[in-house]
Amino acid sequence: MDDKASLWPRAGASEKIDFTNRVGKSMSTLSPNLDSRYFMRCLEEVANIGDTKDLTMSDMVRTYVSLQGSRSGDSE
């Protein structure tokens, strides 16, 4: 979780799947939408396209959880 998000594009497929599976399992208790597919999609989009600067994987996960919470609140 303390690794830099900028390393994500160079990680192997098995490392990416393992990470998103672990995060998805722990975060899905907050919301069923916070599954491994959600985190994989977010990380692929942002880390491969955006400039993550000094953000860690933990920073990214917290941001994605917050974004999902905002979306859930909008629909209620």
PDB file of N, CA and C in Angstrom:
ATOM      1  N   MET A   1       0.812  -1.190   0.000  1.00  0.00           N
ATOM      2  CA  MET A   1       0.000   0.000   0.000  1.00  0.00           C
ATOM      3  C   MET A   1       0.863   1.263   0.000  1.00  0.00           C
ATOM      4  N   ASP A   2       2.099   1.137   0.445  1.00  0.00           N
ATOM      5  CA  ASP A   2       2.983   2.304   0.481  1.00  0.00           C
ATOM      6  C   ASP A   2       3.769   2.497  -0.812  1.00  0.00           C
ATOM      7  N   ASP A   3       3.616   1.566  -1.756  1.00  0.00           N
ATOM      8  CA  ASP A   3       4.287   1.723  -3.045  1.00  0.00           C
ATOM      9  C   ASP A   3       3.722   2.927  -3.776  1.00  0.00           C
ATOM     10  N   LYS A   4       4.535   3.525  -4.592  1.00  0.00           N
ATOM     11  CA  LYS A   4       4.096   4.668  -5.393  1.00  0.00           C
ATOM     12  C   LYS A   4       3.140   4.192  -6.488  1.00  0.00           C
ATOM     13  N   ALA A   5       2.082   4.938  -6.693  1.00  0.00           N
ATOM     14  CA  ALA A   5       1.107   4.602  -7.733  1.00  0.00           C
ATOM     15  C   ALA A   5       1.744   4.644  -9.122  1.00  0.00           C
ATOM     16  N   SER A   6       2.797   5.417  -9.265  1.00  0.00           N
ATOM     17  CA  SER A   6       3.472   5.507 -10.564  1.00  0.00           C
ATOM     18  C   SER A   6       4.101   4.171 -10.981  1.00  0.00           C
ATOM     19  N   LEU A   7       4.259   3.238 -10.039  1.00  0.00           N
ATOM     20  CA  LEU A   7       4.814   1.918 -10.356  1.00  0.00           C
ATOM     21  C   LEU A   7       3.760   0.962 -10.927  1.00  0.00           C
ATOM     22  N   TRP A   8       2.489   1.307 -10.782  1.00  0.00           N
ATOM     23  CA  TRP A   8       1.403   0.430 -11.217  1.00  0.00           C
ATOM     24  C   TRP A   8       1.524  -0.013 -12.678  1.00  0.00           C
ATOM     25  N   PRO A   9       1.781   0.890 -13.613  1.00  0.00           N
ATOM     26  CA  PRO A   9       1.845   0.449 -15.018  1.00  0.00           C
ATOM     27  C   PRO A   9       2.929  -0.601 -15.283  1.00  0.00           C
ATOM     28  N   ARG A  10       3.960  -0.645 -14.462  1.00  0.00           N
ATOM     29  CA  ARG A  10       5.044  -1.604 -14.677  1.00  0.00           C
ATOM     30  C   ARG A  10       4.858  -2.908 -13.902  1.00  0.00           C
ATOM     31  N   ALA A  11       3.815  -2.989 -13.079  1.00  0.00           N
ATOM     32  CA  ALA A  11       3.557  -4.209 -12.311  1.00  0.00           C
ATOM     33  C   ALA A  11       3.052  -5.304 -13.240  1.00  0.00           C
ATOM     34  N   GLY A  12       3.318  -6.535 -12.864  1.00  0.00           N
ATOM     35  CA  GLY A  12       2.845  -7.673 -13.640  1.00  0.00           C
ATOM     36  C   GLY A  12       1.363  -7.909 -13.421  1.00  0.00           C
ATOM     37  N   ALA A  13       0.748  -8.625 -14.326  1.00  0.00           N
ATOM     38  CA  ALA A  13      -0.687  -8.894 -14.245  1.00  0.00           C
ATOM     39  C   ALA A  13      -1.054  -9.603 -12.948  1.00  0.00           C
ATOM     40  N   SER A  14      -0.262 -10.582 -12.535  1.00  0.00           N
ATOM     41  CA  SER A  14      -0.587 -11.320 -11.305  1.00  0.00           C
ATOM     42  C   SER A  14      -0.494 -10.418 -10.075  1.00  0.00           C
ATOM     43  N   GLU A  15       0.457  -9.489 -10.075  1.00  0.00           N
ATOM     44  CA  GLU A  15       0.573  -8.542  -8.959  1.00  0.00           C
ATOM     45  C   GLU A  15      -0.640  -7.612  -8.913  1.00  0.00           C
ATOM     46  N   LYS A  16      -1.075  -7.157 -10.072  1.00  0.00           N
ATOM     47  CA  LYS A  16      -2.239  -6.277 -10.144  1.00  0.00           C
ATOM     48  C   LYS A  16      -3.504  -6.997  -9.672  1.00  0.00           C
ATOM     49  N   ILE A  17      -3.679  -8.219 -10.125  1.00  0.00           N
ATOM     50  CA  ILE A  17      -4.852  -9.002  -9.738  1.00  0.00           C
ATOM     51  C   ILE A  17      -4.832  -9.281  -8.242  1.00  0.00           C
ATOM     52  N   ASP A  18      -3.680  -9.655  -7.717  1.00  0.00           N
ATOM     53  CA  ASP A  18      -3.557  -9.931  -6.282  1.00  0.00           C
ATOM     54  C   ASP A  18      -3.895  -8.685  -5.461  1.00  0.00           C
ATOM     55  N   PHE A  19      -3.341  -7.544  -5.854  1.00  0.00           N
ATOM     56  CA  PHE A  19      -3.580  -6.302  -5.119  1.00  0.00           C
ATOM     57  C   PHE A  19      -5.058  -5.923  -5.153  1.00  0.00           C
ATOM     58  N   THR A  20      -5.651  -5.908  -6.339  1.00  0.00           N
ATOM     59  CA  THR A  20      -7.052  -5.490  -6.434  1.00  0.00           C
ATOM     60  C   THR A  20      -7.992  -6.498  -5.774  1.00  0.00           C
ATOM     61  N   ASN A  21      -7.646  -7.771  -5.782  1.00  0.00           N
ATOM     62  CA  ASN A  21      -8.454  -8.762  -5.071  1.00  0.00           C
ATOM     63  C   ASN A  21      -8.429  -8.508  -3.568  1.00  0.00           C
ATOM     64  N   ARG A  22      -7.243  -8.244  -3.028  1.00  0.00           N
ATOM     65  CA  ARG A  22      -7.127  -7.985  -1.590  1.00  0.00           C
ATOM     66  C   ARG A  22      -7.870  -6.715  -1.192  1.00  0.00           C
ATOM     67  N   VAL A  23      -7.691  -5.662  -1.972  1.00  0.00           N
ATOM     68  CA  VAL A  23      -8.365  -4.399  -1.667  1.00  0.00           C
ATOM     69  C   VAL A  23      -9.874  -4.557  -1.830  1.00  0.00           C
ATOM     70  N   GLY A  24     -10.292  -5.205  -2.893  1.00  0.00           N
ATOM     71  CA  GLY A  24     -11.713  -5.412  -3.131  1.00  0.00           C
ATOM     72  C   GLY A  24     -12.382  -6.206  -2.025  1.00  0.00           C
ATOM     73  N   LYS A  25     -11.712  -7.246  -1.539  1.00  0.00           N
ATOM     74  CA  LYS A  25     -12.283  -8.053  -0.454  1.00  0.00           C
ATOM     75  C   LYS A  25     -12.443  -7.224   0.817  1.00  0.00           C
ATOM     76  N   SER A  26     -11.463  -6.406   1.123  1.00  0.00           N
ATOM     77  CA  SER A  26     -11.549  -5.624   2.353  1.00  0.00           C
ATOM     78  C   SER A  26     -12.517  -4.453   2.227  1.00  0.00           C
ATOM     79  N   MET A  27     -12.621  -3.850   1.062  1.00  0.00           N
ATOM     80  CA  MET A  27     -13.468  -2.665   0.896  1.00  0.00           C
ATOM     81  C   MET A  27     -14.915  -3.000   0.542  1.00  0.00           C
ATOM     82  N   SER A  28     -15.166  -4.196   0.064  1.00  0.00           N
ATOM     83  CA  SER A  28     -16.541  -4.543  -0.298  1.00  0.00           C
ATOM     84  C   SER A  28     -17.441  -4.614   0.930  1.00  0.00           C
ATOM     85  N   THR A  29     -16.863  -4.658   2.122  1.00  0.00           N
ATOM     86  CA  THR A  29     -17.676  -4.604   3.337  1.00  0.00           C
ATOM     87  C   THR A  29     -18.314  -3.221   3.490  1.00  0.00           C
ATOM     88  N   LEU A  30     -17.676  -2.195   2.928  1.00  0.00           N
ATOM     89  CA  LEU A  30     -18.242  -0.843   2.960  1.00  0.00           C
ATOM     90  C   LEU A  30     -19.345  -0.686   1.919  1.00  0.00           C
ATOM     91  N   SER A  31     -19.121  -1.287   0.758  1.00  0.00           N
ATOM     92  CA  SER A  31     -20.086  -1.208  -0.342  1.00  0.00           C
ATOM     93  C   SER A  31     -19.811  -2.343  -1.319  1.00  0.00           C
ATOM     94  N   PRO A  32     -20.847  -3.018  -1.780  1.00  0.00           N
ATOM     95  CA  PRO A  32     -20.635  -4.099  -2.746  1.00  0.00           C
ATOM     96  C   PRO A  32     -20.033  -3.609  -4.059  1.00  0.00           C
ATOM     97  N   ASN A  33     -20.156  -2.324  -4.349  1.00  0.00           N
ATOM     98  CA  ASN A  33     -19.580  -1.778  -5.577  1.00  0.00           C
ATOM     99  C   ASN A  33     -18.067  -1.633  -5.500  1.00  0.00           C
ATOM    100  N   LEU A  34     -17.513  -1.714  -4.306  1.00  0.00           N
ATOM    101  CA  LEU A  34     -16.062  -1.581  -4.136  1.00  0.00           C
ATOM    102  C   LEU A  34     -15.406  -2.955  -4.258  1.00  0.00           C
ATOM    103  N   ASP A  35     -15.526  -3.534  -5.427  1.00  0.00           N
ATOM    104  CA  ASP A  35     -14.952  -4.855  -5.656  1.00  0.00           C
ATOM    105  C   ASP A  35     -13.641  -4.744  -6.436  1.00  0.00           C
ATOM    106  N   SER A  36     -13.041  -5.871  -6.688  1.00  0.00           N
ATOM    107  CA  SER A  36     -11.736  -5.881  -7.365  1.00  0.00           C
ATOM    108  C   SER A  36     -11.811  -5.266  -8.760  1.00  0.00           C
ATOM    109  N   ARG A  37     -12.910  -5.472  -9.470  1.00  0.00           N
ATOM    110  CA  ARG A  37     -13.061  -4.882 -10.813  1.00  0.00           C
ATOM    111  C   ARG A  37     -13.052  -3.361 -10.748  1.00  0.00           C
ATOM    112  N   TYR A  38     -13.723  -2.812  -9.748  1.00  0.00           N
ATOM    113  CA  TYR A  38     -13.768  -1.353  -9.578  1.00  0.00           C
ATOM    114  C   TYR A  38     -12.362  -0.798  -9.383  1.00  0.00           C
ATOM    115  N   PHE A  39     -11.592  -1.410  -8.476  1.00  0.00           N
ATOM    116  CA  PHE A  39     -10.244  -0.911  -8.203  1.00  0.00           C
ATOM    117  C   PHE A  39      -9.307  -1.118  -9.392  1.00  0.00           C
ATOM    118  N   MET A  40      -9.448  -2.227 -10.083  1.00  0.00           N
ATOM    119  CA  MET A  40      -8.609  -2.467 -11.257  1.00  0.00           C
ATOM    120  C   MET A  40      -8.888  -1.404 -12.319  1.00  0.00           C
ATOM    121  N   ARG A  41     -10.160  -1.141 -12.582  1.00  0.00           N
ATOM    122  CA  ARG A  41     -10.522  -0.145 -13.586  1.00  0.00           C
ATOM    123  C   ARG A  41      -9.978   1.234 -13.206  1.00  0.00           C
ATOM    124  N   CYS A  42     -10.169   1.628 -11.968  1.00  0.00           N
ATOM    125  CA  CYS A  42      -9.701   2.943 -11.513  1.00  0.00           C
ATOM    126  C   CYS A  42      -8.183   3.059 -11.607  1.00  0.00           C
ATOM    127  N   LEU A  43      -7.491   2.063 -11.111  1.00  0.00           N
ATOM    128  CA  LEU A  43      -6.025   2.113 -11.134  1.00  0.00           C
ATOM    129  C   LEU A  43      -5.481   2.103 -12.551  1.00  0.00           C
ATOM    130  N   GLU A  44      -6.068   1.300 -13.410  1.00  0.00           N
ATOM    131  CA  GLU A  44      -5.613   1.261 -14.795  1.00  0.00           C
ATOM    132  C   GLU A  44      -5.821   2.618 -15.469  1.00  0.00           C
ATOM    133  N   GLU A  45      -6.979   3.207 -15.262  1.00  0.00           N
ATOM    134  CA  GLU A  45      -7.266   4.491 -15.899  1.00  0.00           C
ATOM    135  C   GLU A  45      -6.364   5.601 -15.390  1.00  0.00           C
ATOM    136  N   VAL A  46      -6.251   5.731 -14.093  1.00  0.00           N
ATOM    137  CA  VAL A  46      -5.508   6.860 -13.524  1.00  0.00           C
ATOM    138  C   VAL A  46      -3.997   6.663 -13.594  1.00  0.00           C
ATOM    139  N   ALA A  47      -3.501   5.521 -13.176  1.00  0.00           N
ATOM    140  CA  ALA A  47      -2.057   5.318 -13.131  1.00  0.00           C
ATOM    141  C   ALA A  47      -1.434   5.238 -14.517  1.00  0.00           C
ATOM    142  N   ASN A  48      -2.179   4.748 -15.498  1.00  0.00           N
ATOM    143  CA  ASN A  48      -1.645   4.648 -16.850  1.00  0.00           C
ATOM    144  C   ASN A  48      -1.788   5.934 -17.647  1.00  0.00           C
ATOM    145  N   ILE A  49      -2.758   6.760 -17.291  1.00  0.00           N
ATOM    146  CA  ILE A  49      -3.028   7.966 -18.063  1.00  0.00           C
ATOM    147  C   ILE A  49      -2.647   9.232 -17.307  1.00  0.00           C
ATOM    148  N   GLY A  50      -2.997   9.276 -16.021  1.00  0.00           N
ATOM    149  CA  GLY A  50      -2.785  10.484 -15.231  1.00  0.00           C
ATOM    150  C   GLY A  50      -1.381  10.594 -14.674  1.00  0.00           C
ATOM    151  N   ASP A  51      -1.120  11.734 -14.061  1.00  0.00           N
ATOM    152  CA  ASP A  51       0.156  11.986 -13.411  1.00  0.00           C
ATOM    153  C   ASP A  51      -0.052  11.808 -11.920  1.00  0.00           C
ATOM    154  N   THR A  52       0.412  10.692 -11.377  1.00  0.00           N
ATOM    155  CA  THR A  52       0.162  10.375  -9.973  1.00  0.00           C
ATOM    156  C   THR A  52       1.175  11.018  -9.026  1.00  0.00           C
ATOM    157  N   LYS A  53       2.196  11.653  -9.569  1.00  0.00           N
ATOM    158  CA  LYS A  53       3.226  12.331  -8.772  1.00  0.00           C
ATOM    159  C   LYS A  53       3.721  11.431  -7.653  1.00  0.00           C
ATOM    160  N   ASP A  54       3.576  11.867  -6.403  1.00  0.00           N
ATOM    161  CA  ASP A  54       4.075  11.097  -5.267  1.00  0.00           C
ATOM    162  C   ASP A  54       2.987  10.335  -4.536  1.00  0.00           C
ATOM    163  N   LEU A  55       1.843  10.140  -5.171  1.00  0.00           N
ATOM    164  CA  LEU A  55       0.751   9.420  -4.521  1.00  0.00           C
ATOM    165  C   LEU A  55       1.117   7.955  -4.321  1.00  0.00           C
ATOM    166  N   THR A  56       0.693   7.418  -3.192  1.00  0.00           N
ATOM    167  CA  THR A  56       0.903   5.997  -2.922  1.00  0.00           C
ATOM    168  C   THR A  56      -0.346   5.225  -3.339  1.00  0.00           C
ATOM    169  N   MET A  57      -0.228   3.922  -3.350  1.00  0.00           N
ATOM    170  CA  MET A  57      -1.385   3.081  -3.659  1.00  0.00           C
ATOM    171  C   MET A  57      -2.466   3.313  -2.605  1.00  0.00           C
ATOM    172  N   SER A  58      -2.081   3.508  -1.373  1.00  0.00           N
ATOM    173  CA  SER A  58      -3.027   3.788  -0.303  1.00  0.00           C
ATOM    174  C   SER A  58      -3.802   5.078  -0.574  1.00  0.00           C
ATOM    175  N   ASP A  59      -3.093   6.112  -1.029  1.00  0.00           N
ATOM    176  CA  ASP A  59      -3.751   7.376  -1.395  1.00  0.00           C
ATOM    177  C   ASP A  59      -4.792   7.143  -2.482  1.00  0.00           C
ATOM    178  N   MET A  60      -4.424   6.354  -3.468  1.00  0.00           N
ATOM    179  CA  MET A  60      -5.315   6.096  -4.596  1.00  0.00           C
ATOM    180  C   MET A  60      -6.563   5.339  -4.127  1.00  0.00           C
ATOM    181  N   VAL A  61      -6.371   4.316  -3.306  1.00  0.00           N
ATOM    182  CA  VAL A  61      -7.502   3.522  -2.828  1.00  0.00           C
ATOM    183  C   VAL A  61      -8.449   4.399  -2.011  1.00  0.00           C
ATOM    184  N   ARG A  62      -7.905   5.227  -1.129  1.00  0.00           N
ATOM    185  CA  ARG A  62      -8.754   6.130  -0.337  1.00  0.00           C
ATOM    186  C   ARG A  62      -9.558   7.060  -1.247  1.00  0.00           C
ATOM    187  N   THR A  63      -8.944   7.547  -2.295  1.00  0.00           N
ATOM    188  CA  THR A  63      -9.639   8.421  -3.239  1.00  0.00           C
ATOM    189  C   THR A  63     -10.779   7.687  -3.923  1.00  0.00           C
ATOM    190  N   TYR A  64     -10.538   6.454  -4.368  1.00  0.00           N
ATOM    191  CA  TYR A  64     -11.562   5.681  -5.066  1.00  0.00           C
ATOM    192  C   TYR A  64     -12.719   5.331  -4.137  1.00  0.00           C
ATOM    193  N   VAL A  65     -12.417   5.034  -2.866  1.00  0.00           N
ATOM    194  CA  VAL A  65     -13.473   4.752  -1.896  1.00  0.00           C
ATOM    195  C   VAL A  65     -14.322   6.006  -1.686  1.00  0.00           C
ATOM    196  N   SER A  66     -13.656   7.136  -1.582  1.00  0.00           N
ATOM    197  CA  SER A  66     -14.354   8.404  -1.404  1.00  0.00           C
ATOM    198  C   SER A  66     -15.231   8.735  -2.614  1.00  0.00           C
ATOM    199  N   LEU A  67     -14.715   8.516  -3.809  1.00  0.00           N
ATOM    200  CA  LEU A  67     -15.491   8.774  -5.025  1.00  0.00           C
ATOM    201  C   LEU A  67     -16.730   7.881  -5.091  1.00  0.00           C
ATOM    202  N   GLN A  68     -16.571   6.623  -4.748  1.00  0.00           N
ATOM    203  CA  GLN A  68     -17.708   5.697  -4.775  1.00  0.00           C
ATOM    204  C   GLN A  68     -18.745   6.124  -3.742  1.00  0.00           C
ATOM    205  N   GLY A  69     -18.291   6.587  -2.573  1.00  0.00           N
ATOM    206  CA  GLY A  69     -19.199   7.060  -1.549  1.00  0.00           C
ATOM    207  C   GLY A  69     -19.980   8.280  -2.023  1.00  0.00           C
ATOM    208  N   SER A  70     -19.308   9.153  -2.762  1.00  0.00           N
ATOM    209  CA  SER A  70     -19.971  10.350  -3.304  1.00  0.00           C
ATOM    210  C   SER A  70     -21.049   9.949  -4.309  1.00  0.00           C
ATOM    211  N   ARG A  71     -20.759   8.988  -5.135  1.00  0.00           N
ATOM    212  CA  ARG A  71     -21.729   8.531  -6.135  1.00  0.00           C
ATOM    213  C   ARG A  71     -22.930   7.886  -5.465  1.00  0.00           C
ATOM    214  N   SER A  72     -22.679   7.099  -4.432  1.00  0.00           N
ATOM    215  CA  SER A  72     -23.776   6.444  -3.715  1.00  0.00           C
ATOM    216  C   SER A  72     -24.665   7.472  -3.045  1.00  0.00           C
ATOM    217  N   GLY A  73     -24.065   8.516  -2.495  1.00  0.00           N
ATOM    218  CA  GLY A  73     -24.826   9.571  -1.839  1.00  0.00           C
ATOM    219  C   GLY A  73     -25.664  10.365  -2.802  1.00  0.00           C
ATOM    220  N   ASP A  74     -25.169  10.535  -4.035  1.00  0.00           N
ATOM    221  CA  ASP A  74     -25.905  11.282  -5.048  1.00  0.00           C
ATOM    222  C   ASP A  74     -27.183  10.568  -5.473  1.00  0.00           C
ATOM    223  N   SER A  75     -27.175   9.257  -5.444  1.00  0.00           N
ATOM    224  CA  SER A  75     -28.315   8.503  -5.944  1.00  0.00           C
ATOM    225  C   SER A  75     -29.401   8.327  -4.898  1.00  0.00           C
ATOM    226  N   GLU A  76     -29.121   8.674  -3.650  1.00  0.00           N
ATOM    227  CA  GLU A  76     -30.121   8.498  -2.607  1.00  0.00           C
ATOM    228  C   GLU A  76     -31.043   9.672  -2.500  1.00  0.00           C
TER     229      GLU A  76
END
